Amino acid sequence: MDPNRLRAQILAVYDHTAREGARPPSGLGLAVGADLARQLGYPEGDLIGIPEAVCGAFVGAGCLAPEVTGPGAVADLGCGAGLDAWVLARRGHRVVALDASEGMMCRLAGALRGEPGLPVRPVRAVLPHLPLRSGGFRWALLNGAANLVPQRDELLHEVSRVLAPGGTVLVADLVAVGEIPREVREQPEAWAWCVAGADPPHRWTEGLRKAGFSKIRVEILEEFPPLARAVIRAQRNAWGEPEEPGV
């Protein structure tokens, strides 16, 4: 499938989500929005007071924000309307929240106008390209976003570039634990819901190693063959001295 056409179709899905709020695929009784965040394990205290514009469009794949326990700037890549960015900023982190969807960025920017002191900077950009300074972040998050990008190797190299040495990437997404039919992998809606882009765990490990990561862990949280929900953690190899966090 032509990557430009695929990107346009995925963006159409997320722009619709930005306008209408999160909705599961037809016929599937999946939780979305704040209900999904609670189901994934976000503490209720982190969700209190977050604007509906932010919570209502959440379609992440895991509970990542509470794992950011150390200091440093955070790159929330494929942030959607910015739930993780909002939670992390409240916890004292400076966050760059990047997404390709104009609608999602408008949701986040509108919500931030109501809380002007929150240290979140929205940036509109299309993954895998990251218009961010090399070595500028201690943490990078991809919550239900990595599987939207067919150029996985390029994405991981870009994430490695923007992380300071010793920085951590956290990924929550679907992985393949069985064979995904070719006809499914060719459906734009399956790409938009992170199914068509799902790779097996060993490919994640190989790709992260090639991109300069170590201490790689792929944790399977829930299996529903041929897919599973997983959190992937890795640390950028600590070659040289870390740079100051920033953009």
Protein backbone atom coordinates (compact mmCIF):
# COMPACT_ATOMS: atom_id res chain seq x y z
CA MET A 1 0.00 0.00 0.00
CA ASP A 2 1.23 3.48 -0.87
CA PRO A 3 2.53 5.02 2.41
CA ASN A 4 1.24 8.51 1.60
CA ARG A 5 -2.26 7.19 0.93
CA LEU A 6 -2.11 5.08 4.07
CA ARG A 7 -0.99 8.06 6.15
CA ALA A 8 -3.84 10.17 4.79
CA GLN A 9 -6.39 7.48 5.65
CA ILE A 10 -5.02 7.02 9.19
CA LEU A 11 -5.09 10.78 9.72
CA ALA A 12 -8.70 10.89 8.56
CA VAL A 13 -9.61 8.39 11.29
CA TYR A 14 -7.87 10.42 14.00
CA ASP A 15 -9.19 13.76 12.77
CA HIS A 16 -12.67 12.23 13.03
CA THR A 17 -11.84 11.07 16.56
CA ALA A 18 -10.73 14.60 17.37
CA ARG A 19 -14.06 16.00 16.16
CA GLU A 20 -16.39 13.38 17.61
CA GLY A 21 -14.46 11.88 20.54
CA ALA A 22 -13.12 8.34 20.72
CA ARG A 23 -15.37 5.61 19.29
CA PRO A 24 -14.52 1.90 19.00
CA PRO A 25 -14.76 0.15 15.63
CA SER A 26 -18.30 -0.78 14.71
CA GLY A 27 -19.60 -3.78 16.64
CA LEU A 28 -16.77 -3.90 19.18
CA GLY A 29 -17.60 -3.15 22.80
CA LEU A 30 -14.25 -1.57 23.62
CA ALA A 31 -13.68 1.07 26.27
CA VAL A 32 -12.44 4.44 25.02
CA GLY A 33 -11.63 7.84 26.50
CA ALA A 34 -11.42 8.16 30.30
CA ASP A 35 -13.01 4.71 30.73
CA LEU A 36 -10.16 3.18 28.72
CA ALA A 37 -7.57 5.09 30.76
CA ARG A 38 -9.06 3.70 33.98
CA GLN A 39 -9.18 0.20 32.51
CA LEU A 40 -5.50 0.45 31.57
CA GLY A 41 -4.57 1.41 35.11
CA TYR A 42 -4.27 5.20 35.21
CA PRO A 43 -4.70 6.30 38.84
CA GLU A 44 -7.98 8.11 39.40
CA GLY A 45 -6.08 11.01 40.93
CA ASP A 46 -4.24 11.56 37.65
CA LEU A 47 -7.52 11.84 35.74
CA ILE A 48 -9.34 14.24 38.04
CA GLY A 49 -9.72 17.66 36.47
CA ILE A 50 -8.32 16.76 33.05
CA PRO A 51 -10.50 18.45 30.42
CA GLU A 52 -12.94 16.28 28.46
CA ALA A 53 -11.28 17.53 25.27
CA VAL A 54 -8.16 15.65 26.38
CA CYS A 55 -9.67 12.56 28.05
CA GLY A 56 -12.49 12.11 25.55
CA ALA A 57 -10.20 11.37 22.63
CA PHE A 58 -7.85 8.97 24.42
CA VAL A 59 -7.20 5.71 22.54
CA GLY A 60 -3.89 4.62 24.07
CA ALA A 61 -2.71 1.04 24.53
CA GLY A 62 -1.19 1.15 27.99
CA CYS A 63 -0.60 3.09 31.18
CA LEU A 64 2.74 4.75 30.52
CA ALA A 65 2.78 8.13 32.27
CA PRO A 66 3.12 6.69 35.82
CA GLU A 67 6.29 4.87 34.70
CA VAL A 68 8.11 8.18 34.14
CA THR A 69 9.60 8.37 37.62
CA GLY A 70 12.85 10.28 37.11
CA PRO A 71 13.59 13.88 36.17
CA GLY A 72 13.92 15.26 32.68
CA ALA A 73 11.98 16.41 29.65
CA VAL A 74 9.52 14.05 27.95
CA ALA A 75 8.66 13.62 24.27
CA ASP A 76 5.09 12.31 23.95
CA LEU A 77 5.15 11.03 20.37
CA GLY A 78 1.83 10.42 18.65
CA CYS A 79 0.23 12.05 21.68
CA GLY A 80 -3.32 12.32 20.34
CA ALA A 81 -5.17 14.88 22.45
CA GLY A 82 -2.42 14.68 25.06
CA LEU A 83 -3.59 12.67 28.08
CA ASP A 84 -0.09 11.41 28.93
CA ALA A 85 1.37 14.86 28.32
CA TRP A 86 -1.18 16.40 30.69
CA VAL A 87 -0.55 13.84 33.44
CA LEU A 88 3.22 14.21 33.15
CA ALA A 89 3.15 18.02 33.11
CA ARG A 90 1.10 17.98 36.31
CA ARG A 91 3.81 15.79 37.83
CA GLY A 92 6.41 18.45 37.06
CA HIS A 93 7.83 17.34 33.71
CA ARG A 94 8.36 19.60 30.73
CA VAL A 95 6.62 17.85 27.82
CA VAL A 96 6.68 18.21 24.06
CA ALA A 97 3.47 16.62 22.73
CA LEU A 98 3.75 15.71 19.06
CA ASP A 99 1.03 14.46 16.75
CA ALA A 100 0.20 14.51 13.03
CA SER A 101 -3.53 15.14 13.46
CA GLU A 102 -4.50 18.79 13.23
CA GLY A 103 -7.74 18.00 15.04
CA MET A 104 -5.94 16.38 17.97
CA MET A 105 -3.50 19.29 18.23
CA CYS A 106 -6.42 21.72 18.23
CA ARG A 107 -8.04 19.78 21.09
CA LEU A 108 -4.86 19.94 23.14
CA ALA A 109 -4.11 23.57 22.35
CA GLY A 110 -7.66 24.56 23.25
CA ALA A 111 -7.46 22.74 26.58
CA LEU A 112 -4.09 24.34 27.37
CA ARG A 113 -5.57 27.81 26.98
CA GLY A 114 -7.56 27.03 30.12
CA GLU A 115 -4.38 26.14 32.04
CA PRO A 116 -1.69 28.43 30.57
CA GLY A 117 1.02 27.53 33.10
CA LEU A 118 1.08 23.84 32.22
CA PRO A 119 4.52 23.01 30.71
CA VAL A 120 3.24 21.28 27.56
CA ARG A 121 4.31 22.36 24.08
CA PRO A 122 2.16 20.98 21.23
CA VAL A 123 4.04 20.26 17.99
CA ARG A 124 2.37 19.06 14.82
CA ALA A 125 4.58 16.65 12.89
CA VAL A 126 4.28 13.35 11.06
CA LEU A 127 6.09 10.33 12.48
CA PRO A 128 8.71 9.02 11.90
CA HIS A 129 10.14 12.54 11.41
CA LEU A 130 10.80 14.31 14.73
CA PRO A 131 11.53 18.07 14.51
CA LEU A 132 13.26 17.91 17.89
CA ARG A 133 16.81 18.58 19.04
CA SER A 134 19.14 15.60 19.24
CA GLY A 135 19.72 14.39 22.78
CA GLY A 136 17.06 16.72 24.15
CA PHE A 137 14.92 14.29 26.17
CA ARG A 138 15.26 11.83 29.03
CA TRP A 139 12.02 10.05 28.20
CA ALA A 140 10.09 9.23 25.02
CA LEU A 141 6.58 7.76 24.99
CA LEU A 142 4.74 6.02 22.16
CA ASN A 143 1.31 5.10 23.49
CA GLY A 144 -0.69 3.35 20.78
CA ALA A 145 1.27 5.26 18.14
CA ALA A 146 4.18 3.10 16.94
CA ASN A 147 1.96 0.70 14.99
CA LEU A 148 0.61 3.62 12.95
CA VAL A 149 4.04 4.09 11.35
CA PRO A 150 5.08 1.63 8.61
CA GLN A 151 8.67 2.96 8.72
CA ARG A 152 9.38 1.33 12.09
CA ASP A 153 13.19 1.26 11.80
CA GLU A 154 13.32 4.93 10.87
CA LEU A 155 11.04 5.78 13.78
CA LEU A 156 13.24 3.94 16.30
CA HIS A 157 16.39 5.62 15.00
CA GLU A 158 14.70 9.02 15.34
CA VAL A 159 13.61 8.22 18.89
CA SER A 160 17.19 7.19 19.70
CA ARG A 161 18.46 10.46 18.23
CA VAL A 162 16.26 12.73 20.36
CA LEU A 163 16.94 10.83 23.59
CA ALA A 164 19.92 11.73 25.74
CA PRO A 165 22.36 8.86 26.35
CA GLY A 166 20.80 6.68 29.03
CA GLY A 167 17.33 7.99 28.20
CA THR A 168 14.33 5.66 28.18
CA VAL A 169 11.70 4.87 25.57
CA LEU A 170 8.35 3.45 26.67
CA VAL A 171 6.05 1.90 24.09
CA ALA A 172 2.54 0.57 24.62
CA ASP A 173 1.01 -1.15 21.61
CA LEU A 174 -0.26 -4.36 20.10
CA VAL A 175 2.25 -7.04 19.13
CA ALA A 176 1.76 -10.08 16.92
CA VAL A 177 1.81 -13.45 18.70
CA GLY A 178 0.40 -15.29 15.69
CA GLU A 179 -0.10 -14.81 11.97
CA ILE A 180 -2.03 -11.69 10.95
CA PRO A 181 -3.72 -12.30 7.58
CA ARG A 182 -2.37 -10.32 4.67
CA GLU A 183 -5.80 -8.94 3.85
CA VAL A 184 -5.98 -7.45 7.36
CA ARG A 185 -2.56 -5.86 7.01
CA GLU A 186 -3.79 -4.12 3.85
CA GLN A 187 -6.83 -2.49 5.50
CA PRO A 188 -6.40 1.19 6.42
CA GLU A 189 -8.82 0.83 9.36
CA ALA A 190 -6.71 -2.04 10.71
CA TRP A 191 -3.69 0.27 10.54
CA ALA A 192 -5.59 3.05 12.31
CA TRP A 193 -6.46 0.66 15.16
CA CYS A 194 -2.82 -0.54 15.49
CA VAL A 195 -3.60 -4.06 14.25
CA ALA A 196 -2.04 -4.12 10.78
CA GLY A 197 1.26 -2.65 12.01
CA ALA A 198 1.72 -5.13 14.86
CA ASP A 199 5.13 -6.84 14.85
CA PRO A 200 6.21 -9.90 16.86
CA PRO A 201 8.27 -9.21 20.00
CA HIS A 202 11.54 -10.42 18.47
CA ARG A 203 11.30 -7.80 15.72
CA TRP A 204 10.91 -5.10 18.34
CA THR A 205 14.01 -6.38 20.09
CA GLU A 206 16.01 -6.50 16.85
CA GLY A 207 14.86 -3.05 15.74
CA LEU A 208 15.64 -1.42 19.08
CA ARG A 209 19.12 -2.97 19.20
CA LYS A 210 19.88 -1.70 15.70
CA ALA A 211 18.69 1.76 16.71
CA GLY A 212 21.14 1.92 19.62
CA PHE A 213 19.07 0.67 22.56
CA SER A 214 19.84 -1.84 25.28
CA LYS A 215 18.09 -3.21 28.40
CA ILE A 216 15.17 -4.08 26.13
CA ARG A 217 12.13 -5.69 27.73
CA VAL A 218 8.93 -6.71 25.98
CA GLU A 219 6.22 -7.39 28.56
CA ILE A 220 3.06 -9.10 27.33
CA LEU A 221 0.14 -7.77 29.37
CA GLU A 222 -2.81 -9.49 27.70
CA GLU A 223 -3.12 -12.04 24.89
CA PHE A 224 -5.95 -12.36 22.39
CA PRO A 225 -4.27 -14.30 19.55
CA PRO A 226 -3.04 -13.46 17.02
CA LEU A 227 -2.49 -10.22 18.95
CA ALA A 228 -1.36 -9.23 22.41
CA ARG A 229 -1.14 -5.96 24.27
CA ALA A 230 2.39 -5.19 25.38
CA VAL A 231 4.62 -2.60 26.98
CA ILE A 232 8.13 -2.30 25.56
CA ARG A 233 10.89 -0.60 27.53
CA ALA A 234 14.43 0.18 26.39
CA GLN A 235 17.31 2.46 27.28
CA ARG A 236 19.41 4.39 24.81
CA ASN A 237 23.00 3.24 24.97
CA ALA A 238 24.92 5.63 27.21
CA TRP A 239 27.70 6.63 24.85
CA GLY A 240 29.12 10.03 25.76
CA GLU A 241 27.78 12.59 28.15
CA PRO A 242 24.03 13.41 28.18
CA GLU A 243 22.92 16.76 26.83
CA GLU A 244 20.61 19.13 28.65
CA PRO A 245 16.94 18.28 28.07
CA GLY A 246 15.14 20.57 25.65
CA VAL A 247 13.88 21.10 22.11
